[in-house]
Amino acid sequence: MARTNPLQFIQQVRSEVAKVVWPTRREVLLTTVMVFIMATLTAIFFALVDLGIRSGLQAVLNIFG
């Protein structure tokens, strides 16, 4: 593997960073809101699943206990 000196490395890093397409403020805001919405929906889903499993187990334990 060929070794590059630090100056070449920095030049290569700068050229690669220049190729990056940075998101706009609106895109960042929209994706952030979407993440919060999906996290909330996921939390609600798992809370309902937990409630259902807990109720089911309590019902089974009340029948046999």
PDB file of N, CA and C in Angstrom:
ATOM      1  N   MET A   1       0.846  -1.168   0.000  1.00  0.00           N
ATOM      2  CA  MET A   1       0.000   0.000   0.000  1.00  0.00           C
ATOM      3  C   MET A   1       0.898   1.240   0.000  1.00  0.00           C
ATOM      4  N   ALA A   2       0.585   2.152  -0.861  1.00  0.00           N
ATOM      5  CA  ALA A   2       1.398   3.366  -0.966  1.00  0.00           C
ATOM      6  C   ALA A   2       1.085   4.295   0.198  1.00  0.00           C
ATOM      7  N   ARG A   3       2.126   4.930   0.697  1.00  0.00           N
ATOM      8  CA  ARG A   3       1.959   5.873   1.803  1.00  0.00           C
ATOM      9  C   ARG A   3       1.893   7.282   1.236  1.00  0.00           C
ATOM     10  N   THR A   4       1.041   8.095   1.832  1.00  0.00           N
ATOM     11  CA  THR A   4       0.971   9.495   1.421  1.00  0.00           C
ATOM     12  C   THR A   4       1.512  10.355   2.555  1.00  0.00           C
ATOM     13  N   ASN A   5       2.106  11.447   2.169  1.00  0.00           N
ATOM     14  CA  ASN A   5       2.611  12.329   3.211  1.00  0.00           C
ATOM     15  C   ASN A   5       1.455  13.169   3.765  1.00  0.00           C
ATOM     16  N   PRO A   6       1.642  13.795   4.918  1.00  0.00           N
ATOM     17  CA  PRO A   6       0.551  14.542   5.554  1.00  0.00           C
ATOM     18  C   PRO A   6      -0.025  15.660   4.676  1.00  0.00           C
ATOM     19  N   LEU A   7       0.800  16.311   3.892  1.00  0.00           N
ATOM     20  CA  LEU A   7       0.307  17.389   3.031  1.00  0.00           C
ATOM     21  C   LEU A   7      -0.640  16.836   1.966  1.00  0.00           C
ATOM     22  N   GLN A   8      -0.272  15.727   1.347  1.00  0.00           N
ATOM     23  CA  GLN A   8      -1.142  15.102   0.353  1.00  0.00           C
ATOM     24  C   GLN A   8      -2.451  14.645   1.002  1.00  0.00           C
ATOM     25  N   PHE A   9      -2.333  14.089   2.190  1.00  0.00           N
ATOM     26  CA  PHE A   9      -3.522  13.626   2.892  1.00  0.00           C
ATOM     27  C   PHE A   9      -4.495  14.772   3.134  1.00  0.00           C
ATOM     28  N   ILE A  10      -3.990  15.895   3.610  1.00  0.00           N
ATOM     29  CA  ILE A  10      -4.849  17.057   3.868  1.00  0.00           C
ATOM     30  C   ILE A  10      -5.471  17.561   2.573  1.00  0.00           C
ATOM     31  N   GLN A  11      -4.722  17.580   1.499  1.00  0.00           N
ATOM     32  CA  GLN A  11      -5.270  18.012   0.208  1.00  0.00           C
ATOM     33  C   GLN A  11      -6.371  17.069  -0.250  1.00  0.00           C
ATOM     34  N   GLN A  12      -6.172  15.771  -0.070  1.00  0.00           N
ATOM     35  CA  GLN A  12      -7.184  14.801  -0.470  1.00  0.00           C
ATOM     36  C   GLN A  12      -8.450  14.941   0.391  1.00  0.00           C
ATOM     37  N   VAL A  13      -8.265  15.167   1.663  1.00  0.00           N
ATOM     38  CA  VAL A  13      -9.412  15.347   2.553  1.00  0.00           C
ATOM     39  C   VAL A  13     -10.202  16.585   2.148  1.00  0.00           C
ATOM     40  N   ARG A  14      -9.507  17.672   1.870  1.00  0.00           N
ATOM     41  CA  ARG A  14     -10.194  18.907   1.466  1.00  0.00           C
ATOM     42  C   ARG A  14     -10.942  18.722   0.153  1.00  0.00           C
ATOM     43  N   SER A  15     -10.358  17.988  -0.784  1.00  0.00           N
ATOM     44  CA  SER A  15     -11.048  17.773  -2.061  1.00  0.00           C
ATOM     45  C   SER A  15     -12.284  16.889  -1.878  1.00  0.00           C
ATOM     46  N   GLU A  16     -12.205  15.902  -0.964  1.00  0.00           N
ATOM     47  CA  GLU A  16     -13.367  15.048  -0.710  1.00  0.00           C
ATOM     48  C   GLU A  16     -14.471  15.811   0.017  1.00  0.00           C
ATOM     49  N   VAL A  17     -14.088  16.658   0.967  1.00  0.00           N
ATOM     50  CA  VAL A  17     -15.083  17.448   1.693  1.00  0.00           C
ATOM     51  C   VAL A  17     -15.776  18.427   0.749  1.00  0.00           C
ATOM     52  N   ALA A  18     -15.062  18.911  -0.241  1.00  0.00           N
ATOM     53  CA  ALA A  18     -15.661  19.837  -1.210  1.00  0.00           C
ATOM     54  C   ALA A  18     -16.739  19.148  -2.044  1.00  0.00           C
ATOM     55  N   LYS A  19     -16.679  17.827  -2.169  1.00  0.00           N
ATOM     56  CA  LYS A  19     -17.671  17.074  -2.945  1.00  0.00           C
ATOM     57  C   LYS A  19     -18.964  16.827  -2.173  1.00  0.00           C
ATOM     58  N   VAL A  20     -18.939  17.038  -0.867  1.00  0.00           N
ATOM     59  CA  VAL A  20     -20.109  16.750  -0.029  1.00  0.00           C
ATOM     60  C   VAL A  20     -21.216  17.753  -0.340  1.00  0.00           C
ATOM     61  N   VAL A  21     -22.437  17.232  -0.500  1.00  0.00           N
ATOM     62  CA  VAL A  21     -23.599  18.097  -0.704  1.00  0.00           C
ATOM     63  C   VAL A  21     -24.272  18.252   0.650  1.00  0.00           C
ATOM     64  N   TRP A  22     -24.149  19.424   1.237  1.00  0.00           N
ATOM     65  CA  TRP A  22     -24.689  19.659   2.561  1.00  0.00           C
ATOM     66  C   TRP A  22     -26.182  19.946   2.471  1.00  0.00           C
ATOM     67  N   PRO A  23     -26.968  19.449   3.421  1.00  0.00           N
ATOM     68  CA  PRO A  23     -28.418  19.690   3.384  1.00  0.00           C
ATOM     69  C   PRO A  23     -28.739  21.140   3.724  1.00  0.00           C
ATOM     70  N   THR A  24     -29.876  21.565   3.217  1.00  0.00           N
ATOM     71  CA  THR A  24     -30.325  22.924   3.529  1.00  0.00           C
ATOM     72  C   THR A  24     -30.937  22.935   4.923  1.00  0.00           C
ATOM     73  N   ARG A  25     -31.157  24.122   5.437  1.00  0.00           N
ATOM     74  CA  ARG A  25     -31.765  24.262   6.767  1.00  0.00           C
ATOM     75  C   ARG A  25     -33.159  23.629   6.774  1.00  0.00           C
ATOM     76  N   ARG A  26     -33.894  23.792   5.694  1.00  0.00           N
ATOM     77  CA  ARG A  26     -35.251  23.229   5.613  1.00  0.00           C
ATOM     78  C   ARG A  26     -35.204  21.702   5.629  1.00  0.00           C
ATOM     79  N   GLU A  27     -34.261  21.107   4.903  1.00  0.00           N
ATOM     80  CA  GLU A  27     -34.129  19.653   4.890  1.00  0.00           C
ATOM     81  C   GLU A  27     -33.775  19.116   6.276  1.00  0.00           C
ATOM     82  N   VAL A  28     -32.895  19.809   6.967  1.00  0.00           N
ATOM     83  CA  VAL A  28     -32.513  19.389   8.315  1.00  0.00           C
ATOM     84  C   VAL A  28     -33.713  19.481   9.249  1.00  0.00           C
ATOM     85  N   LEU A  29     -34.468  20.556   9.153  1.00  0.00           N
ATOM     86  CA  LEU A  29     -35.641  20.738  10.001  1.00  0.00           C
ATOM     87  C   LEU A  29     -36.677  19.650   9.732  1.00  0.00           C
ATOM     88  N   LEU A  30     -36.942  19.372   8.461  1.00  0.00           N
ATOM     89  CA  LEU A  30     -37.946  18.359   8.115  1.00  0.00           C
ATOM     90  C   LEU A  30     -37.526  16.969   8.582  1.00  0.00           C
ATOM     91  N   THR A  31     -36.283  16.613   8.362  1.00  0.00           N
ATOM     92  CA  THR A  31     -35.846  15.282   8.788  1.00  0.00           C
ATOM     93  C   THR A  31     -35.816  15.178  10.315  1.00  0.00           C
ATOM     94  N   THR A  32     -35.490  16.253  11.008  1.00  0.00           N
ATOM     95  CA  THR A  32     -35.513  16.240  12.469  1.00  0.00           C
ATOM     96  C   THR A  32     -36.929  16.034  12.978  1.00  0.00           C
ATOM     97  N   VAL A  33     -37.883  16.743  12.393  1.00  0.00           N
ATOM     98  CA  VAL A  33     -39.289  16.577  12.787  1.00  0.00           C
ATOM     99  C   VAL A  33     -39.754  15.157  12.483  1.00  0.00           C
ATOM    100  N   MET A  34     -39.363  14.618  11.340  1.00  0.00           N
ATOM    101  CA  MET A  34     -39.749  13.250  11.002  1.00  0.00           C
ATOM    102  C   MET A  34     -39.182  12.250  12.001  1.00  0.00           C
ATOM    103  N   VAL A  35     -37.947  12.455  12.441  1.00  0.00           N
ATOM    104  CA  VAL A  35     -37.342  11.558  13.424  1.00  0.00           C
ATOM    105  C   VAL A  35     -38.115  11.620  14.741  1.00  0.00           C
ATOM    106  N   PHE A  36     -38.475  12.817  15.183  1.00  0.00           N
ATOM    107  CA  PHE A  36     -39.242  12.933  16.417  1.00  0.00           C
ATOM    108  C   PHE A  36     -40.612  12.282  16.298  1.00  0.00           C
ATOM    109  N   ILE A  37     -41.266  12.457  15.156  1.00  0.00           N
ATOM    110  CA  ILE A  37     -42.576  11.826  14.948  1.00  0.00           C
ATOM    111  C   ILE A  37     -42.449  10.311  14.960  1.00  0.00           C
ATOM    112  N   MET A  38     -41.459   9.777  14.248  1.00  0.00           N
ATOM    113  CA  MET A  38     -41.284   8.318  14.204  1.00  0.00           C
ATOM    114  C   MET A  38     -40.910   7.777  15.585  1.00  0.00           C
ATOM    115  N   ALA A  39     -40.093   8.490  16.339  1.00  0.00           N
ATOM    116  CA  ALA A  39     -39.733   8.052  17.687  1.00  0.00           C
ATOM    117  C   ALA A  39     -40.961   8.034  18.592  1.00  0.00           C
ATOM    118  N   THR A  40     -41.828   9.040  18.460  1.00  0.00           N
ATOM    119  CA  THR A  40     -43.054   9.088  19.251  1.00  0.00           C
ATOM    120  C   THR A  40     -43.986   7.940  18.878  1.00  0.00           C
ATOM    121  N   LEU A  41     -44.162   7.710  17.582  1.00  0.00           N
ATOM    122  CA  LEU A  41     -45.028   6.610  17.139  1.00  0.00           C
ATOM    123  C   LEU A  41     -44.481   5.258  17.600  1.00  0.00           C
ATOM    124  N   THR A  42     -43.185   5.088  17.535  1.00  0.00           N
ATOM    125  CA  THR A  42     -42.570   3.837  17.988  1.00  0.00           C
ATOM    126  C   THR A  42     -42.766   3.656  19.489  1.00  0.00           C
ATOM    127  N   ALA A  43     -42.600   4.721  20.264  1.00  0.00           N
ATOM    128  CA  ALA A  43     -42.799   4.641  21.709  1.00  0.00           C
ATOM    129  C   ALA A  43     -44.244   4.284  22.041  1.00  0.00           C
ATOM    130  N   ILE A  44     -45.188   4.887  21.327  1.00  0.00           N
ATOM    131  CA  ILE A  44     -46.610   4.572  21.549  1.00  0.00           C
ATOM    132  C   ILE A  44     -46.889   3.117  21.195  1.00  0.00           C
ATOM    133  N   PHE A  45     -46.360   2.652  20.070  1.00  0.00           N
ATOM    134  CA  PHE A  45     -46.565   1.270  19.652  1.00  0.00           C
ATOM    135  C   PHE A  45     -46.060   0.298  20.712  1.00  0.00           C
ATOM    136  N   PHE A  46     -44.824   0.492  21.173  1.00  0.00           N
ATOM    137  CA  PHE A  46     -44.265  -0.436  22.152  1.00  0.00           C
ATOM    138  C   PHE A  46     -44.958  -0.326  23.504  1.00  0.00           C
ATOM    139  N   ALA A  47     -45.448   0.862  23.862  1.00  0.00           N
ATOM    140  CA  ALA A  47     -46.213   1.000  25.100  1.00  0.00           C
ATOM    141  C   ALA A  47     -47.515   0.209  25.001  1.00  0.00           C
ATOM    142  N   LEU A  48     -48.169   0.264  23.841  1.00  0.00           N
ATOM    143  CA  LEU A  48     -49.409  -0.497  23.650  1.00  0.00           C
ATOM    144  C   LEU A  48     -49.143  -1.996  23.638  1.00  0.00           C
ATOM    145  N   VAL A  49     -48.068  -2.414  23.003  1.00  0.00           N
ATOM    146  CA  VAL A  49     -47.703  -3.837  23.000  1.00  0.00           C
ATOM    147  C   VAL A  49     -47.408  -4.297  24.417  1.00  0.00           C
ATOM    148  N   ASP A  50     -46.674  -3.497  25.172  1.00  0.00           N
ATOM    149  CA  ASP A  50     -46.363  -3.827  26.557  1.00  0.00           C
ATOM    150  C   ASP A  50     -47.639  -3.930  27.387  1.00  0.00           C
ATOM    151  N   LEU A  51     -48.542  -2.992  27.196  1.00  0.00           N
ATOM    152  CA  LEU A  51     -49.815  -3.014  27.914  1.00  0.00           C
ATOM    153  C   LEU A  51     -50.611  -4.270  27.563  1.00  0.00           C
ATOM    154  N   GLY A  52     -50.627  -4.621  26.281  1.00  0.00           N
ATOM    155  CA  GLY A  52     -51.345  -5.826  25.858  1.00  0.00           C
ATOM    156  C   GLY A  52     -50.743  -7.095  26.437  1.00  0.00           C
ATOM    157  N   ILE A  53     -49.445  -7.207  26.413  1.00  0.00           N
ATOM    158  CA  ILE A  53     -48.781  -8.396  26.967  1.00  0.00           C
ATOM    159  C   ILE A  53     -49.010  -8.468  28.476  1.00  0.00           C
ATOM    160  N   ARG A  54     -48.888  -7.324  29.151  1.00  0.00           N
ATOM    161  CA  ARG A  54     -49.094  -7.306  30.601  1.00  0.00           C
ATOM    162  C   ARG A  54     -50.524  -7.712  30.956  1.00  0.00           C
ATOM    163  N   SER A  55     -51.501  -7.179  30.215  1.00  0.00           N
ATOM    164  CA  SER A  55     -52.901  -7.531  30.474  1.00  0.00           C
ATOM    165  C   SER A  55     -53.144  -9.007  30.208  1.00  0.00           C
ATOM    166  N   GLY A  56     -52.577  -9.507  29.132  1.00  0.00           N
ATOM    167  CA  GLY A  56     -52.736 -10.927  28.807  1.00  0.00           C
ATOM    168  C   GLY A  56     -52.123 -11.823  29.865  1.00  0.00           C
ATOM    169  N   LEU A  57     -50.933 -11.490  30.321  1.00  0.00           N
ATOM    170  CA  LEU A  57     -50.299 -12.292  31.362  1.00  0.00           C
ATOM    171  C   LEU A  57     -51.065 -12.230  32.673  1.00  0.00           C
ATOM    172  N   GLN A  58     -51.570 -11.058  33.024  1.00  0.00           N
ATOM    173  CA  GLN A  58     -52.354 -10.943  34.249  1.00  0.00           C
ATOM    174  C   GLN A  58     -53.627 -11.773  34.143  1.00  0.00           C
ATOM    175  N   ALA A  59     -54.245 -11.767  32.979  1.00  0.00           N
ATOM    176  CA  ALA A  59     -55.465 -12.562  32.791  1.00  0.00           C
ATOM    177  C   ALA A  59     -55.153 -14.055  32.938  1.00  0.00           C
ATOM    178  N   VAL A  60     -54.064 -14.507  32.321  1.00  0.00           N
ATOM    179  CA  VAL A  60     -53.687 -15.926  32.427  1.00  0.00           C
ATOM    180  C   VAL A  60     -53.347 -16.284  33.861  1.00  0.00           C
ATOM    181  N   LEU A  61     -52.614 -15.415  34.560  1.00  0.00           N
ATOM    182  CA  LEU A  61     -52.249 -15.690  35.944  1.00  0.00           C
ATOM    183  C   LEU A  61     -53.465 -15.664  36.871  1.00  0.00           C
ATOM    184  N   ASN A  62     -54.444 -14.807  36.571  1.00  0.00           N
ATOM    185  CA  ASN A  62     -55.665 -14.778  37.384  1.00  0.00           C
ATOM    186  C   ASN A  62     -56.487 -16.053  37.182  1.00  0.00           C
ATOM    187  N   ILE A  63     -56.462 -16.613  35.984  1.00  0.00           N
ATOM    188  CA  ILE A  63     -57.202 -17.836  35.719  1.00  0.00           C
ATOM    189  C   ILE A  63     -56.580 -19.005  36.482  1.00  0.00           C
ATOM    190  N   PHE A  64     -55.259 -19.111  36.456  1.00  0.00           N
ATOM    191  CA  PHE A  64     -54.572 -20.241  37.084  1.00  0.00           C
ATOM    192  C   PHE A  64     -54.095 -19.952  38.504  1.00  0.00           C
ATOM    193  N   GLY A  65     -54.221 -18.711  38.956  1.00  0.00           N
ATOM    194  CA  GLY A  65     -53.678 -18.371  40.263  1.00  0.00           C
ATOM    195  C   GLY A  65     -54.710 -18.166  41.254  1.00  0.00           C
TER     196      GLY A  65
END
